[in-house]
């Protein structure tokens, strides 16, 4: 009787399938946890110095486009930012 029950599970028995599904569940849970932590830390580190330079250059371009600074001032300040 037990051998027929055992063969119904493909030779693995009840524990083979249960442990496989639980293993997959824990691996997926771990991956989800790592992704959440990674997303939290990647959002908190958005203050990258290179992005600040890009932002400063964009602001400088806008000031020049508005006519608030001359071309010489724009070029001098642009060199300072690089």
PDB file of N, CA and C in Angstrom:
ATOM      1  N   UNK A   1       0.819  -1.188   0.000  1.00  0.00           N
ATOM      2  CA  UNK A   1       0.000   0.000   0.000  1.00  0.00           C
ATOM      3  C   UNK A   1       0.867   1.256   0.000  1.00  0.00           C
ATOM      4  N   UNK A   2       1.896   1.286   0.798  1.00  0.00           N
ATOM      5  CA  UNK A   2       2.767   2.446   0.862  1.00  0.00           C
ATOM      6  C   UNK A   2       3.522   2.644  -0.455  1.00  0.00           C
ATOM      7  N   UNK A   3       3.909   1.549  -1.089  1.00  0.00           N
ATOM      8  CA  UNK A   3       4.665   1.675  -2.327  1.00  0.00           C
ATOM      9  C   UNK A   3       3.811   2.311  -3.422  1.00  0.00           C
ATOM     10  N   UNK A   4       2.514   2.004  -3.449  1.00  0.00           N
ATOM     11  CA  UNK A   4       1.643   2.618  -4.442  1.00  0.00           C
ATOM     12  C   UNK A   4       1.494   4.112  -4.149  1.00  0.00           C
ATOM     13  N   UNK A   5       1.378   4.475  -2.892  1.00  0.00           N
ATOM     14  CA  UNK A   5       1.282   5.878  -2.495  1.00  0.00           C
ATOM     15  C   UNK A   5       2.573   6.623  -2.859  1.00  0.00           C
ATOM     16  N   UNK A   6       3.699   5.982  -2.631  1.00  0.00           N
ATOM     17  CA  UNK A   6       5.006   6.558  -2.916  1.00  0.00           C
ATOM     18  C   UNK A   6       5.190   6.774  -4.414  1.00  0.00           C
ATOM     19  N   UNK A   7       4.728   5.832  -5.225  1.00  0.00           N
ATOM     20  CA  UNK A   7       4.850   5.952  -6.669  1.00  0.00           C
ATOM     21  C   UNK A   7       3.932   7.041  -7.226  1.00  0.00           C
ATOM     22  N   UNK A   8       2.872   7.358  -6.523  1.00  0.00           N
ATOM     23  CA  UNK A   8       1.965   8.408  -6.973  1.00  0.00           C
ATOM     24  C   UNK A   8       2.629   9.777  -6.990  1.00  0.00           C
ATOM     25  N   UNK A   9       3.681   9.919  -6.222  1.00  0.00           N
ATOM     26  CA  UNK A   9       4.407  11.180  -6.197  1.00  0.00           C
ATOM     27  C   UNK A   9       5.676  11.127  -7.038  1.00  0.00           C
ATOM     28  N   UNK A  10       5.726  10.250  -7.981  1.00  0.00           N
ATOM     29  CA  UNK A  10       6.849  10.177  -8.891  1.00  0.00           C
ATOM     30  C   UNK A  10       8.112   9.639  -8.242  1.00  0.00           C
ATOM     31  N   UNK A  11       7.992   8.909  -7.173  1.00  0.00           N
ATOM     32  CA  UNK A  11       9.156   8.347  -6.521  1.00  0.00           C
ATOM     33  C   UNK A  11       9.790   9.265  -5.493  1.00  0.00           C
ATOM     34  N   UNK A  12       9.286  10.481  -5.363  1.00  0.00           N
ATOM     35  CA  UNK A  12       9.878  11.420  -4.411  1.00  0.00           C
ATOM     36  C   UNK A  12       9.180  11.391  -3.056  1.00  0.00           C
ATOM     37  N   UNK A  13       8.001  10.889  -3.017  1.00  0.00           N
ATOM     38  CA  UNK A  13       7.248  10.913  -1.766  1.00  0.00           C
ATOM     39  C   UNK A  13       6.683  12.302  -1.518  1.00  0.00           C
ATOM     40  N   UNK A  14       5.937  12.447  -0.447  1.00  0.00           N
ATOM     41  CA  UNK A  14       5.330  13.741  -0.149  1.00  0.00           C
ATOM     42  C   UNK A  14       6.390  14.789   0.175  1.00  0.00           C
ATOM     43  N   UNK A  15       7.457  14.410   0.809  1.00  0.00           N
ATOM     44  CA  UNK A  15       8.460  15.377   1.229  1.00  0.00           C
ATOM     45  C   UNK A  15       9.223  15.957   0.050  1.00  0.00           C
ATOM     46  N   UNK A  16       9.380  15.209  -1.004  1.00  0.00           N
ATOM     47  CA  UNK A  16      10.114  15.702  -2.164  1.00  0.00           C
ATOM     48  C   UNK A  16       9.434  16.898  -2.795  1.00  0.00           C
ATOM     49  N   UNK A  17       8.137  16.822  -2.974  1.00  0.00           N
ATOM     50  CA  UNK A  17       7.415  17.936  -3.580  1.00  0.00           C
ATOM     51  C   UNK A  17       7.263  19.088  -2.603  1.00  0.00           C
ATOM     52  N   UNK A  18       6.934  18.778  -1.394  1.00  0.00           N
ATOM     53  CA  UNK A  18       6.741  19.834  -0.403  1.00  0.00           C
ATOM     54  C   UNK A  18       8.009  20.628  -0.178  1.00  0.00           C
ATOM     55  N   UNK A  19       9.137  19.964  -0.067  1.00  0.00           N
ATOM     56  CA  UNK A  19      10.397  20.658   0.154  1.00  0.00           C
ATOM     57  C   UNK A  19      10.802  21.459  -1.086  1.00  0.00           C
ATOM     58  N   UNK A  20      10.487  20.946  -2.267  1.00  0.00           N
ATOM     59  CA  UNK A  20      10.797  21.679  -3.490  1.00  0.00           C
ATOM     60  C   UNK A  20      10.022  22.976  -3.585  1.00  0.00           C
ATOM     61  N   UNK A  21       8.721  22.908  -3.303  1.00  0.00           N
ATOM     62  CA  UNK A  21       7.896  24.122  -3.350  1.00  0.00           C
ATOM     63  C   UNK A  21       8.282  25.096  -2.249  1.00  0.00           C
ATOM     64  N   UNK A  22       8.603  24.603  -1.076  1.00  0.00           N
ATOM     65  CA  UNK A  22       9.030  25.489   0.005  1.00  0.00           C
ATOM     66  C   UNK A  22      10.380  26.122  -0.334  1.00  0.00           C
ATOM     67  N   UNK A  23      11.247  25.375  -0.977  1.00  0.00           N
ATOM     68  CA  UNK A  23      12.532  25.936  -1.386  1.00  0.00           C
ATOM     69  C   UNK A  23      12.353  27.067  -2.383  1.00  0.00           C
ATOM     70  N   UNK A  24      11.478  26.850  -3.354  1.00  0.00           N
ATOM     71  CA  UNK A  24      11.182  27.890  -4.343  1.00  0.00           C
ATOM     72  C   UNK A  24      10.561  29.099  -3.666  1.00  0.00           C
ATOM     73  N   UNK A  25       9.656  28.868  -2.733  1.00  0.00           N
ATOM     74  CA  UNK A  25       9.012  29.962  -2.001  1.00  0.00           C
ATOM     75  C   UNK A  25      10.052  30.807  -1.264  1.00  0.00           C
ATOM     76  N   UNK A  26      10.979  30.167  -0.547  1.00  0.00           N
ATOM     77  CA  UNK A  26      11.979  30.907   0.215  1.00  0.00           C
ATOM     78  C   UNK A  26      12.967  31.635  -0.702  1.00  0.00           C
ATOM     79  N   UNK A  27      13.291  31.040  -1.824  1.00  0.00           N
ATOM     80  CA  UNK A  27      14.177  31.720  -2.768  1.00  0.00           C
ATOM     81  C   UNK A  27      13.497  32.963  -3.340  1.00  0.00           C
ATOM     82  N   UNK A  28      12.224  32.846  -3.710  1.00  0.00           N
ATOM     83  CA  UNK A  28      11.487  34.000  -4.226  1.00  0.00           C
ATOM     84  C   UNK A  28      11.333  35.081  -3.162  1.00  0.00           C
ATOM     85  N   UNK A  29      11.098  34.667  -1.932  1.00  0.00           N
ATOM     86  CA  UNK A  29      10.981  35.627  -0.839  1.00  0.00           C
ATOM     87  C   UNK A  29      12.301  36.347  -0.607  1.00  0.00           C
ATOM     88  N   UNK A  30      13.398  35.637  -0.683  1.00  0.00           N
ATOM     89  CA  UNK A  30      14.711  36.246  -0.518  1.00  0.00           C
ATOM     90  C   UNK A  30      15.006  37.232  -1.650  1.00  0.00           C
ATOM     91  N   UNK A  31      14.665  36.855  -2.883  1.00  0.00           N
ATOM     92  CA  UNK A  31      14.870  37.753  -4.026  1.00  0.00           C
ATOM     93  C   UNK A  31      14.039  39.019  -3.864  1.00  0.00           C
ATOM     94  N   UNK A  32      12.801  38.878  -3.429  1.00  0.00           N
ATOM     95  CA  UNK A  32      11.934  40.031  -3.197  1.00  0.00           C
ATOM     96  C   UNK A  32      12.527  40.940  -2.125  1.00  0.00           C
ATOM     97  N   UNK A  33      13.022  40.363  -1.053  1.00  0.00           N
ATOM     98  CA  UNK A  33      13.631  41.131   0.028  1.00  0.00           C
ATOM     99  C   UNK A  33      14.845  41.908  -0.468  1.00  0.00           C
ATOM    100  N   UNK A  34      15.697  41.260  -1.245  1.00  0.00           N
ATOM    101  CA  UNK A  34      16.895  41.920  -1.776  1.00  0.00           C
ATOM    102  C   UNK A  34      16.503  43.059  -2.715  1.00  0.00           C
ATOM    103  N   UNK A  35      15.499  42.853  -3.556  1.00  0.00           N
ATOM    104  CA  UNK A  35      15.054  43.904  -4.474  1.00  0.00           C
ATOM    105  C   UNK A  35      14.497  45.108  -3.729  1.00  0.00           C
ATOM    106  N   UNK A  36      13.739  44.870  -2.671  1.00  0.00           N
ATOM    107  CA  UNK A  36      13.177  45.975  -1.883  1.00  0.00           C
ATOM    108  C   UNK A  36      14.299  46.763  -1.216  1.00  0.00           C
ATOM    109  N   UNK A  37      15.252  46.078  -0.611  1.00  0.00           N
ATOM    110  CA  UNK A  37      16.374  46.758   0.032  1.00  0.00           C
ATOM    111  C   UNK A  37      17.192  47.535  -0.991  1.00  0.00           C
ATOM    112  N   UNK A  38      17.449  46.930  -2.156  1.00  0.00           N
ATOM    113  CA  UNK A  38      18.215  47.596  -3.210  1.00  0.00           C
ATOM    114  C   UNK A  38      17.496  48.864  -3.683  1.00  0.00           C
ATOM    115  N   UNK A  39      16.177  48.781  -3.842  1.00  0.00           N
ATOM    116  CA  UNK A  39      15.400  49.934  -4.298  1.00  0.00           C
ATOM    117  C   UNK A  39      15.440  51.057  -3.263  1.00  0.00           C
ATOM    118  N   UNK A  40      15.347  50.712  -1.989  1.00  0.00           N
ATOM    119  CA  UNK A  40      15.398  51.721  -0.941  1.00  0.00           C
ATOM    120  C   UNK A  40      16.747  52.437  -0.929  1.00  0.00           C
ATOM    121  N   UNK A  41      17.834  51.685  -1.025  1.00  0.00           N
ATOM    122  CA  UNK A  41      19.144  52.301  -0.984  1.00  0.00           C
ATOM    123  C   UNK A  41      19.483  53.039  -2.266  1.00  0.00           C
ATOM    124  N   UNK A  42      18.996  52.584  -3.399  1.00  0.00           N
ATOM    125  CA  UNK A  42      19.290  53.290  -4.652  1.00  0.00           C
ATOM    126  C   UNK A  42      18.556  54.624  -4.707  1.00  0.00           C
ATOM    127  N   UNK A  43      17.374  54.725  -4.096  1.00  0.00           N
ATOM    128  CA  UNK A  43      16.657  55.994  -4.060  1.00  0.00           C
ATOM    129  C   UNK A  43      17.288  56.975  -3.090  1.00  0.00           C
ATOM    130  N   UNK A  44      17.865  56.482  -2.000  1.00  0.00           N
ATOM    131  CA  UNK A  44      18.449  57.377  -1.008  1.00  0.00           C
ATOM    132  C   UNK A  44      19.802  57.916  -1.441  1.00  0.00           C
ATOM    133  N   UNK A  45      20.435  57.331  -2.433  1.00  0.00           N
ATOM    134  CA  UNK A  45      21.746  57.775  -2.878  1.00  0.00           C
ATOM    135  C   UNK A  45      21.665  58.500  -4.214  1.00  0.00           C
ATOM    136  N   UNK A  46      20.626  59.286  -4.414  1.00  0.00           N
ATOM    137  CA  UNK A  46      20.460  60.021  -5.665  1.00  0.00           C
ATOM    138  C   UNK A  46      21.335  61.269  -5.720  1.00  0.00           C
ATOM    139  N   UNK A  47      21.984  61.630  -4.618  1.00  0.00           N
ATOM    140  CA  UNK A  47      22.816  62.827  -4.595  1.00  0.00           C
ATOM    141  C   UNK A  47      24.207  62.501  -5.105  1.00  0.00           C
ATOM    142  N   UNK A  48      24.282  62.171  -6.360  1.00  0.00           N
ATOM    143  CA  UNK A  48      25.532  61.829  -7.026  1.00  0.00           C
ATOM    144  C   UNK A  48      26.224  63.122  -7.461  1.00  0.00           C
ATOM    145  N   UNK A  49      27.504  63.305  -7.163  1.00  0.00           N
ATOM    146  CA  UNK A  49      28.175  64.555  -7.536  1.00  0.00           C
ATOM    147  C   UNK A  49      28.123  64.849  -9.032  1.00  0.00           C
ATOM    148  N   UNK A  50      28.162  63.825  -9.873  1.00  0.00           N
ATOM    149  CA  UNK A  50      28.117  64.082 -11.310  1.00  0.00           C
ATOM    150  C   UNK A  50      26.753  64.623 -11.727  1.00  0.00           C
ATOM    151  N   UNK A  51      25.688  64.177 -11.066  1.00  0.00           N
ATOM    152  CA  UNK A  51      24.366  64.704 -11.419  1.00  0.00           C
ATOM    153  C   UNK A  51      24.223  66.142 -10.952  1.00  0.00           C
ATOM    154  N   UNK A  52      24.923  66.530  -9.869  1.00  0.00           N
ATOM    155  CA  UNK A  52      24.898  67.920  -9.430  1.00  0.00           C
ATOM    156  C   UNK A  52      25.575  68.819 -10.450  1.00  0.00           C
ATOM    157  N   UNK A  53      26.660  68.346 -11.069  1.00  0.00           N
ATOM    158  CA  UNK A  53      27.317  69.129 -12.110  1.00  0.00           C
ATOM    159  C   UNK A  53      26.395  69.313 -13.301  1.00  0.00           C
ATOM    160  N   UNK A  54      25.691  68.258 -13.679  1.00  0.00           N
ATOM    161  CA  UNK A  54      24.755  68.361 -14.792  1.00  0.00           C
ATOM    162  C   UNK A  54      23.656  69.364 -14.462  1.00  0.00           C
ATOM    163  N   UNK A  55      23.167  69.318 -13.250  1.00  0.00           N
ATOM    164  CA  UNK A  55      22.114  70.240 -12.848  1.00  0.00           C
ATOM    165  C   UNK A  55      22.633  71.672 -12.866  1.00  0.00           C
ATOM    166  N   UNK A  56      23.839  71.897 -12.375  1.00  0.00           N
ATOM    167  CA  UNK A  56      24.421  73.239 -12.370  1.00  0.00           C
ATOM    168  C   UNK A  56      24.613  73.744 -13.793  1.00  0.00           C
ATOM    169  N   UNK A  57      25.060  72.875 -14.681  1.00  0.00           N
ATOM    170  CA  UNK A  57      25.253  73.274 -16.075  1.00  0.00           C
ATOM    171  C   UNK A  57      23.915  73.612 -16.730  1.00  0.00           C
ATOM    172  N   UNK A  58      22.898  72.831 -16.423  1.00  0.00           N
ATOM    173  CA  UNK A  58      21.568  73.130 -16.973  1.00  0.00           C
ATOM    174  C   UNK A  58      21.066  74.483 -16.470  1.00  0.00           C
ATOM    175  N   UNK A  59      21.282  74.764 -15.192  1.00  0.00           N
ATOM    176  CA  UNK A  59      20.874  76.060 -14.646  1.00  0.00           C
ATOM    177  C   UNK A  59      21.648  77.198 -15.306  1.00  0.00           C
ATOM    178  N   UNK A  60      22.929  76.969 -15.534  1.00  0.00           N
ATOM    179  CA  UNK A  60      23.751  77.973 -16.201  1.00  0.00           C
ATOM    180  C   UNK A  60      23.250  78.233 -17.619  1.00  0.00           C
ATOM    181  N   UNK A  61      22.905  77.159 -18.324  1.00  0.00           N
ATOM    182  CA  UNK A  61      22.366  77.315 -19.686  1.00  0.00           C
ATOM    183  C   UNK A  61      21.065  78.105 -19.678  1.00  0.00           C
ATOM    184  N   UNK A  62      20.220  77.865 -18.684  1.00  0.00           N
ATOM    185  CA  UNK A  62      18.949  78.592 -18.593  1.00  0.00           C
ATOM    186  C   UNK A  62      19.182  80.073 -18.322  1.00  0.00           C
ATOM    187  N   UNK A  63      20.146  80.364 -17.437  1.00  0.00           N
ATOM    188  CA  UNK A  63      20.466  81.767 -17.157  1.00  0.00           C
ATOM    189  C   UNK A  63      20.979  82.475 -18.404  1.00  0.00           C
ATOM    190  N   UNK A  64      21.816  81.780 -19.171  1.00  0.00           N
ATOM    191  CA  UNK A  64      22.332  82.356 -20.411  1.00  0.00           C
ATOM    192  C   UNK A  64      21.205  82.543 -21.423  1.00  0.00           C
ATOM    193  N   UNK A  65      20.302  81.582 -21.490  1.00  0.00           N
ATOM    194  CA  UNK A  65      19.186  81.684 -22.437  1.00  0.00           C
ATOM    195  C   UNK A  65      18.253  82.841 -22.065  1.00  0.00           C
ATOM    196  N   UNK A  66      18.098  83.106 -20.785  1.00  0.00           N
ATOM    197  CA  UNK A  66      17.245  84.220 -20.348  1.00  0.00           C
ATOM    198  C   UNK A  66      17.902  85.574 -20.593  1.00  0.00           C
ATOM    199  N   UNK A  67      19.229  85.544 -20.771  1.00  0.00           N
ATOM    200  CA  UNK A  67      19.944  86.797 -20.991  1.00  0.00           C
ATOM    201  C   UNK A  67      20.445  87.411 -19.699  1.00  0.00           C
ATOM    202  N   UNK A  68      20.435  86.670 -18.614  1.00  0.00           N
ATOM    203  CA  UNK A  68      20.892  87.197 -17.325  1.00  0.00           C
ATOM    204  C   UNK A  68      22.411  87.257 -17.217  1.00  0.00           C
ATOM    205  N   UNK A  69      23.133  86.469 -18.037  1.00  0.00           N
ATOM    206  CA  UNK A  69      24.600  86.504 -18.031  1.00  0.00           C
ATOM    207  C   UNK A  69      25.090  86.633 -19.463  1.00  0.00           C
ATOM    208  N   UNK A  70      26.283  87.172 -19.610  1.00  0.00           N
ATOM    209  CA  UNK A  70      26.858  87.339 -20.945  1.00  0.00           C
ATOM    210  C   UNK A  70      27.492  86.034 -21.398  1.00  0.00           C
ATOM    211  N   UNK A  71      27.911  86.022 -22.672  1.00  0.00           N
ATOM    212  CA  UNK A  71      28.545  84.824 -23.218  1.00  0.00           C
ATOM    213  C   UNK A  71      29.884  84.555 -22.532  1.00  0.00           C
ATOM    214  N   UNK A  72      30.616  85.615 -22.225  1.00  0.00           N
ATOM    215  CA  UNK A  72      31.900  85.443 -21.543  1.00  0.00           C
ATOM    216  C   UNK A  72      31.699  84.839 -20.148  1.00  0.00           C
ATOM    217  N   UNK A  73      30.688  85.341 -19.429  1.00  0.00           N
ATOM    218  CA  UNK A  73      30.397  84.791 -18.096  1.00  0.00           C
ATOM    219  C   UNK A  73      29.977  83.328 -18.197  1.00  0.00           C
ATOM    220  N   UNK A  74      29.166  83.033 -19.205  1.00  0.00           N
ATOM    221  CA  UNK A  74      28.717  81.655 -19.403  1.00  0.00           C
ATOM    222  C   UNK A  74      29.900  80.723 -19.632  1.00  0.00           C
ATOM    223  N   UNK A  75      30.816  81.115 -20.524  1.00  0.00           N
ATOM    224  CA  UNK A  75      31.976  80.278 -20.840  1.00  0.00           C
ATOM    225  C   UNK A  75      32.882  80.118 -19.625  1.00  0.00           C
ATOM    226  N   UNK A  76      33.100  81.188 -18.864  1.00  0.00           N
ATOM    227  CA  UNK A  76      33.957  81.121 -17.687  1.00  0.00           C
ATOM    228  C   UNK A  76      33.353  80.201 -16.627  1.00  0.00           C
ATOM    229  N   UNK A  77      32.074  80.355 -16.388  1.00  0.00           N
ATOM    230  CA  UNK A  77      31.405  79.521 -15.374  1.00  0.00           C
ATOM    231  C   UNK A  77      31.313  78.063 -15.835  1.00  0.00           C
ATOM    232  N   UNK A  78      31.142  77.867 -17.126  1.00  0.00           N
ATOM    233  CA  UNK A  78      31.090  76.505 -17.660  1.00  0.00           C
ATOM    234  C   UNK A  78      32.428  75.792 -17.460  1.00  0.00           C
ATOM    235  N   UNK A  79      33.533  76.515 -17.678  1.00  0.00           N
ATOM    236  CA  UNK A  79      34.861  75.931 -17.444  1.00  0.00           C
ATOM    237  C   UNK A  79      35.068  75.592 -15.969  1.00  0.00           C
ATOM    238  N   UNK A  80      34.544  76.418 -15.083  1.00  0.00           N
ATOM    239  CA  UNK A  80      34.670  76.173 -13.650  1.00  0.00           C
ATOM    240  C   UNK A  80      33.912  74.905 -13.235  1.00  0.00           C
ATOM    241  N   UNK A  81      32.804  74.629 -13.896  1.00  0.00           N
ATOM    242  CA  UNK A  81      31.995  73.453 -13.545  1.00  0.00           C
ATOM    243  C   UNK A  81      32.618  72.149 -14.009  1.00  0.00           C
ATOM    244  N   UNK A  82      33.441  72.211 -15.046  1.00  0.00           N
ATOM    245  CA  UNK A  82      34.024  70.973 -15.578  1.00  0.00           C
ATOM    246  C   UNK A  82      35.167  70.484 -14.752  1.00  0.00           C
TER     247      UNK A  82
END
